[in-house]
N, C-alpha and C. Protein backbone atom coordinates (compact mmCIF):
# COMPACT_ATOMS: atom_id res chain seq x y z
N UNK A 1 32.06 1.74 -8.89
CA UNK A 1 31.69 3.07 -8.43
C UNK A 1 30.43 3.51 -9.18
N UNK A 2 29.55 4.14 -8.46
CA UNK A 2 28.31 4.66 -9.04
C UNK A 2 28.64 5.84 -9.95
N UNK A 3 27.97 5.88 -11.10
CA UNK A 3 28.17 6.99 -12.02
C UNK A 3 27.23 8.13 -11.65
N UNK A 4 27.69 9.33 -11.84
CA UNK A 4 26.88 10.51 -11.53
C UNK A 4 25.55 10.49 -12.27
N UNK A 5 25.57 10.00 -13.49
CA UNK A 5 24.35 9.97 -14.30
C UNK A 5 23.31 8.98 -13.76
N UNK A 6 23.73 8.05 -12.90
CA UNK A 6 22.83 7.05 -12.33
C UNK A 6 22.12 7.57 -11.07
N UNK A 7 22.55 8.71 -10.57
CA UNK A 7 21.99 9.24 -9.33
C UNK A 7 20.74 10.08 -9.59
N UNK A 8 19.80 10.03 -8.65
CA UNK A 8 18.60 10.86 -8.79
C UNK A 8 18.94 12.34 -8.65
N UNK A 9 18.10 13.24 -9.13
CA UNK A 9 18.41 14.67 -9.05
C UNK A 9 18.30 15.25 -7.63
N UNK A 10 17.51 14.64 -6.78
CA UNK A 10 17.29 15.17 -5.42
C UNK A 10 18.39 14.70 -4.48
N UNK A 11 19.10 15.63 -3.79
CA UNK A 11 20.17 15.26 -2.87
C UNK A 11 19.70 14.35 -1.72
N UNK A 12 18.48 14.57 -1.23
CA UNK A 12 17.96 13.71 -0.16
C UNK A 12 17.79 12.29 -0.68
N UNK A 13 17.29 12.17 -1.89
CA UNK A 13 17.10 10.85 -2.49
C UNK A 13 18.44 10.15 -2.73
N UNK A 14 19.47 10.91 -3.08
CA UNK A 14 20.81 10.33 -3.25
C UNK A 14 21.27 9.72 -1.93
N UNK A 15 21.14 10.49 -0.84
CA UNK A 15 21.56 10.01 0.47
C UNK A 15 20.79 8.76 0.85
N UNK A 16 19.47 8.78 0.64
CA UNK A 16 18.65 7.61 0.96
C UNK A 16 19.04 6.40 0.11
N UNK A 17 19.38 6.64 -1.14
CA UNK A 17 19.79 5.55 -2.02
C UNK A 17 21.05 4.87 -1.47
N UNK A 18 21.95 5.65 -0.90
CA UNK A 18 23.21 5.10 -0.42
C UNK A 18 23.11 4.45 0.96
N UNK A 19 22.21 4.94 1.81
CA UNK A 19 22.16 4.40 3.18
C UNK A 19 20.76 3.98 3.60
N UNK A 20 19.87 3.72 2.65
CA UNK A 20 18.48 3.45 2.99
C UNK A 20 18.26 2.15 3.74
N UNK A 21 19.11 1.19 3.57
CA UNK A 21 18.96 -0.08 4.27
C UNK A 21 19.41 0.08 5.72
N UNK A 22 18.64 -0.45 6.66
CA UNK A 22 18.99 -0.29 8.08
C UNK A 22 20.34 -0.89 8.40
N UNK A 23 20.71 -1.96 7.69
CA UNK A 23 22.00 -2.58 7.96
C UNK A 23 23.14 -1.65 7.56
N UNK A 24 22.96 -0.90 6.50
CA UNK A 24 24.02 0.02 6.06
C UNK A 24 24.28 1.09 7.11
N UNK A 25 23.23 1.61 7.70
CA UNK A 25 23.39 2.63 8.74
C UNK A 25 24.13 2.03 9.95
N UNK A 26 23.79 0.79 10.31
CA UNK A 26 24.46 0.14 11.43
C UNK A 26 25.91 -0.20 11.11
N UNK A 27 26.18 -0.55 9.87
CA UNK A 27 27.57 -0.79 9.46
C UNK A 27 28.38 0.50 9.60
N UNK A 28 27.82 1.60 9.12
CA UNK A 28 28.50 2.89 9.24
C UNK A 28 28.73 3.23 10.70
N UNK A 29 27.69 3.06 11.52
CA UNK A 29 27.80 3.33 12.96
C UNK A 29 28.98 2.56 13.56
N UNK A 30 29.09 1.29 13.23
CA UNK A 30 30.14 0.47 13.81
C UNK A 30 31.52 0.77 13.25
N UNK A 31 31.59 1.15 11.99
CA UNK A 31 32.89 1.47 11.38
C UNK A 31 33.38 2.87 11.75
N UNK A 32 32.49 3.71 12.27
CA UNK A 32 32.93 5.04 12.72
C UNK A 32 33.94 4.94 13.86
N UNK A 33 33.90 3.83 14.60
CA UNK A 33 34.86 3.65 15.71
C UNK A 33 36.17 3.05 15.25
N UNK A 34 36.25 2.63 13.98
CA UNK A 34 37.51 2.10 13.45
C UNK A 34 37.30 0.87 12.58
N UNK A 35 38.41 0.38 12.07
CA UNK A 35 38.42 -0.77 11.17
C UNK A 35 37.92 -2.03 11.90
N UNK A 36 37.14 -2.83 11.17
CA UNK A 36 36.60 -4.06 11.75
C UNK A 36 36.72 -5.20 10.75
N UNK A 37 36.84 -6.42 11.28
CA UNK A 37 36.79 -7.61 10.45
C UNK A 37 35.33 -8.02 10.29
N UNK A 38 35.07 -8.88 9.33
CA UNK A 38 33.70 -9.29 9.01
C UNK A 38 32.99 -9.85 10.25
N UNK A 39 33.64 -10.75 10.96
CA UNK A 39 33.03 -11.37 12.13
C UNK A 39 32.71 -10.36 13.22
N UNK A 40 33.59 -9.38 13.40
CA UNK A 40 33.33 -8.32 14.39
C UNK A 40 32.09 -7.52 14.01
N UNK A 41 31.98 -7.18 12.73
CA UNK A 41 30.80 -6.44 12.26
C UNK A 41 29.53 -7.26 12.48
N UNK A 42 29.59 -8.51 12.12
CA UNK A 42 28.39 -9.36 12.24
C UNK A 42 27.93 -9.46 13.69
N UNK A 43 28.88 -9.62 14.61
CA UNK A 43 28.53 -9.71 16.04
C UNK A 43 27.99 -8.38 16.57
N UNK A 44 28.60 -7.28 16.17
CA UNK A 44 28.20 -5.99 16.72
C UNK A 44 26.86 -5.51 16.15
N UNK A 45 26.54 -5.92 14.93
CA UNK A 45 25.30 -5.48 14.31
C UNK A 45 24.11 -6.27 14.84
N UNK A 46 24.28 -7.54 15.07
CA UNK A 46 23.18 -8.33 15.62
C UNK A 46 22.62 -9.34 14.65
N UNK A 47 21.32 -9.36 14.48
CA UNK A 47 20.64 -10.40 13.71
C UNK A 47 20.70 -10.19 12.21
N UNK A 48 21.89 -10.10 11.68
CA UNK A 48 22.05 -9.98 10.24
C UNK A 48 22.70 -11.26 9.72
N UNK A 49 22.19 -11.78 8.62
CA UNK A 49 22.77 -12.99 8.05
C UNK A 49 24.08 -12.65 7.35
N UNK A 50 24.90 -13.66 7.17
CA UNK A 50 26.17 -13.48 6.48
C UNK A 50 25.93 -12.98 5.06
N UNK A 51 24.93 -13.54 4.39
CA UNK A 51 24.62 -13.16 3.01
C UNK A 51 24.22 -11.68 2.92
N UNK A 52 23.36 -11.23 3.83
CA UNK A 52 22.89 -9.84 3.80
C UNK A 52 24.02 -8.89 4.14
N UNK A 53 24.83 -9.23 5.13
CA UNK A 53 25.96 -8.37 5.49
C UNK A 53 26.95 -8.27 4.34
N UNK A 54 27.26 -9.39 3.72
CA UNK A 54 28.18 -9.40 2.58
C UNK A 54 27.63 -8.53 1.44
N UNK A 55 26.35 -8.68 1.15
CA UNK A 55 25.71 -7.91 0.08
C UNK A 55 25.78 -6.41 0.37
N UNK A 56 25.47 -6.03 1.61
CA UNK A 56 25.51 -4.62 1.97
C UNK A 56 26.92 -4.06 1.93
N UNK A 57 27.89 -4.82 2.40
CA UNK A 57 29.28 -4.35 2.37
C UNK A 57 29.75 -4.17 0.92
N UNK A 58 29.39 -5.09 0.05
CA UNK A 58 29.77 -4.97 -1.37
C UNK A 58 29.14 -3.74 -2.00
N UNK A 59 27.87 -3.51 -1.70
CA UNK A 59 27.17 -2.35 -2.22
C UNK A 59 27.82 -1.06 -1.72
N UNK A 60 28.17 -1.03 -0.45
CA UNK A 60 28.79 0.17 0.13
C UNK A 60 30.20 0.38 -0.41
N UNK A 61 30.90 -0.70 -0.70
CA UNK A 61 32.22 -0.60 -1.33
C UNK A 61 32.08 -0.03 -2.74
N UNK A 62 31.09 -0.51 -3.48
CA UNK A 62 30.84 -0.02 -4.84
C UNK A 62 30.45 1.46 -4.83
N UNK A 63 29.76 1.88 -3.78
CA UNK A 63 29.33 3.28 -3.66
C UNK A 63 30.45 4.20 -3.16
N UNK A 64 31.55 3.62 -2.75
CA UNK A 64 32.66 4.42 -2.27
C UNK A 64 32.55 4.81 -0.80
N UNK A 65 31.70 4.10 -0.04
CA UNK A 65 31.55 4.41 1.39
C UNK A 65 32.47 3.56 2.26
N UNK A 66 32.77 2.34 1.80
CA UNK A 66 33.54 1.39 2.59
C UNK A 66 34.75 0.93 1.78
N UNK A 67 35.85 0.73 2.49
CA UNK A 67 37.08 0.20 1.89
C UNK A 67 37.28 -1.21 2.42
N UNK A 68 37.51 -2.14 1.51
CA UNK A 68 37.75 -3.55 1.87
C UNK A 68 39.22 -3.85 1.60
N UNK A 69 39.91 -4.30 2.64
CA UNK A 69 41.33 -4.62 2.50
C UNK A 69 41.53 -6.10 2.79
N UNK A 70 42.10 -6.80 1.80
CA UNK A 70 42.35 -8.24 1.93
C UNK A 70 43.84 -8.45 2.16
N UNK A 71 44.16 -9.22 3.19
CA UNK A 71 45.56 -9.54 3.51
C UNK A 71 45.87 -10.93 2.98
N UNK A 72 47.03 -11.06 2.33
CA UNK A 72 47.44 -12.34 1.75
C UNK A 72 48.01 -13.23 2.85
N UNK A 73 47.12 -13.80 3.63
CA UNK A 73 47.49 -14.68 4.73
C UNK A 73 46.67 -15.95 4.61
N UNK A 74 47.07 -16.96 5.36
CA UNK A 74 46.29 -18.18 5.45
C UNK A 74 45.92 -18.38 6.90
N UNK A 75 44.64 -18.37 7.26
CA UNK A 75 43.50 -18.07 6.39
C UNK A 75 43.46 -16.59 6.03
N UNK A 76 42.79 -16.25 4.92
CA UNK A 76 42.76 -14.85 4.49
C UNK A 76 42.08 -13.97 5.55
N UNK A 77 42.62 -12.78 5.69
CA UNK A 77 42.05 -11.81 6.63
C UNK A 77 41.53 -10.63 5.81
N UNK A 78 40.30 -10.23 6.10
CA UNK A 78 39.68 -9.11 5.40
C UNK A 78 39.23 -8.10 6.44
N UNK A 79 39.56 -6.83 6.20
CA UNK A 79 39.15 -5.76 7.10
C UNK A 79 38.36 -4.71 6.34
N UNK A 80 37.42 -4.10 7.04
CA UNK A 80 36.57 -3.07 6.46
C UNK A 80 36.75 -1.78 7.24
N UNK A 81 36.79 -0.69 6.51
CA UNK A 81 36.87 0.64 7.13
C UNK A 81 36.09 1.61 6.26
N UNK A 82 35.79 2.76 6.84
CA UNK A 82 35.08 3.79 6.09
C UNK A 82 36.06 4.59 5.25
N UNK A 83 35.64 4.96 4.07
CA UNK A 83 36.41 5.90 3.26
C UNK A 83 36.13 7.30 3.83
N UNK A 84 36.79 8.30 3.32
CA UNK A 84 36.50 9.67 3.74
C UNK A 84 35.04 10.02 3.44
N UNK A 85 34.53 9.53 2.32
CA UNK A 85 33.13 9.77 1.97
C UNK A 85 32.21 9.10 2.99
N UNK A 86 32.52 7.87 3.36
CA UNK A 86 31.72 7.18 4.37
C UNK A 86 31.77 7.87 5.71
N UNK A 87 32.96 8.34 6.08
CA UNK A 87 33.13 9.03 7.36
C UNK A 87 32.37 10.37 7.36
N UNK A 88 32.18 10.95 6.19
CA UNK A 88 31.47 12.23 6.12
C UNK A 88 29.99 12.09 6.49
N UNK A 89 29.50 10.86 6.63
CA UNK A 89 28.12 10.62 7.05
C UNK A 89 27.96 10.71 8.57
N UNK A 90 29.05 10.87 9.30
CA UNK A 90 28.98 10.91 10.76
C UNK A 90 28.01 11.97 11.30
N UNK A 91 28.01 13.21 10.78
CA UNK A 91 27.04 14.18 11.30
C UNK A 91 25.58 13.75 11.10
N UNK A 92 25.31 13.02 10.03
CA UNK A 92 23.94 12.53 9.78
C UNK A 92 23.57 11.51 10.85
N UNK A 93 24.48 10.59 11.14
CA UNK A 93 24.21 9.60 12.19
C UNK A 93 24.12 10.26 13.55
N UNK A 94 24.95 11.27 13.81
CA UNK A 94 24.85 12.01 15.08
C UNK A 94 23.48 12.65 15.22
N UNK A 95 22.97 13.23 14.14
CA UNK A 95 21.64 13.85 14.17
C UNK A 95 20.57 12.79 14.40
N UNK A 96 20.75 11.60 13.86
CA UNK A 96 19.80 10.51 14.07
C UNK A 96 19.80 10.07 15.54
N UNK A 97 20.97 10.07 16.16
CA UNK A 97 21.06 9.73 17.58
C UNK A 97 20.27 10.74 18.41
N UNK A 98 20.48 12.02 18.15
CA UNK A 98 19.79 13.07 18.89
C UNK A 98 18.28 12.95 18.68
N UNK A 99 17.87 12.80 17.43
CA UNK A 99 16.44 12.72 17.14
C UNK A 99 15.82 11.49 17.80
N UNK A 100 16.48 10.34 17.66
CA UNK A 100 15.96 9.10 18.24
C UNK A 100 15.86 9.17 19.76
N UNK A 101 16.86 9.77 20.39
CA UNK A 101 16.84 9.94 21.84
C UNK A 101 15.70 10.84 22.26
N UNK A 102 15.53 11.97 21.57
CA UNK A 102 14.44 12.90 21.89
C UNK A 102 13.08 12.25 21.68
N UNK A 103 12.94 11.50 20.62
CA UNK A 103 11.67 10.82 20.36
C UNK A 103 11.36 9.82 21.47
N UNK A 104 12.35 9.00 21.80
CA UNK A 104 12.16 7.99 22.84
C UNK A 104 11.80 8.65 24.17
N UNK A 105 12.49 9.74 24.51
CA UNK A 105 12.21 10.44 25.77
C UNK A 105 10.83 11.10 25.76
N UNK A 106 10.32 11.47 24.61
CA UNK A 106 9.01 12.10 24.54
C UNK A 106 7.88 11.11 24.81
N UNK A 107 8.18 9.83 24.73
CA UNK A 107 7.16 8.80 24.94
C UNK A 107 6.96 8.48 26.42
N UNK A 108 7.82 8.98 27.26
CA UNK A 108 7.70 8.70 28.72
C UNK A 108 6.58 9.46 29.35
């Protein structure tokens, strides 16, 4: 978990630090619809390598945005879901959808 003392003083910078990578935003987008397995996330996100997706998921877990649940099965099953903190980013993503749609429509 990130320590409060490690965070920048600016709230906008804190948010950017947590979700600045484009893959993180897409992971959040996909987990807003519910729990997903690693392979499901990789397929839904698109051209992301296994290494990059794993790295981003670990970072988001460390930040308290994503919960990783491992099932003691053979083969092992791992599921990812958003924590309450991760889910609280939904209004930000909703605003990004509105802004992106308006921008795209303004180019016509």
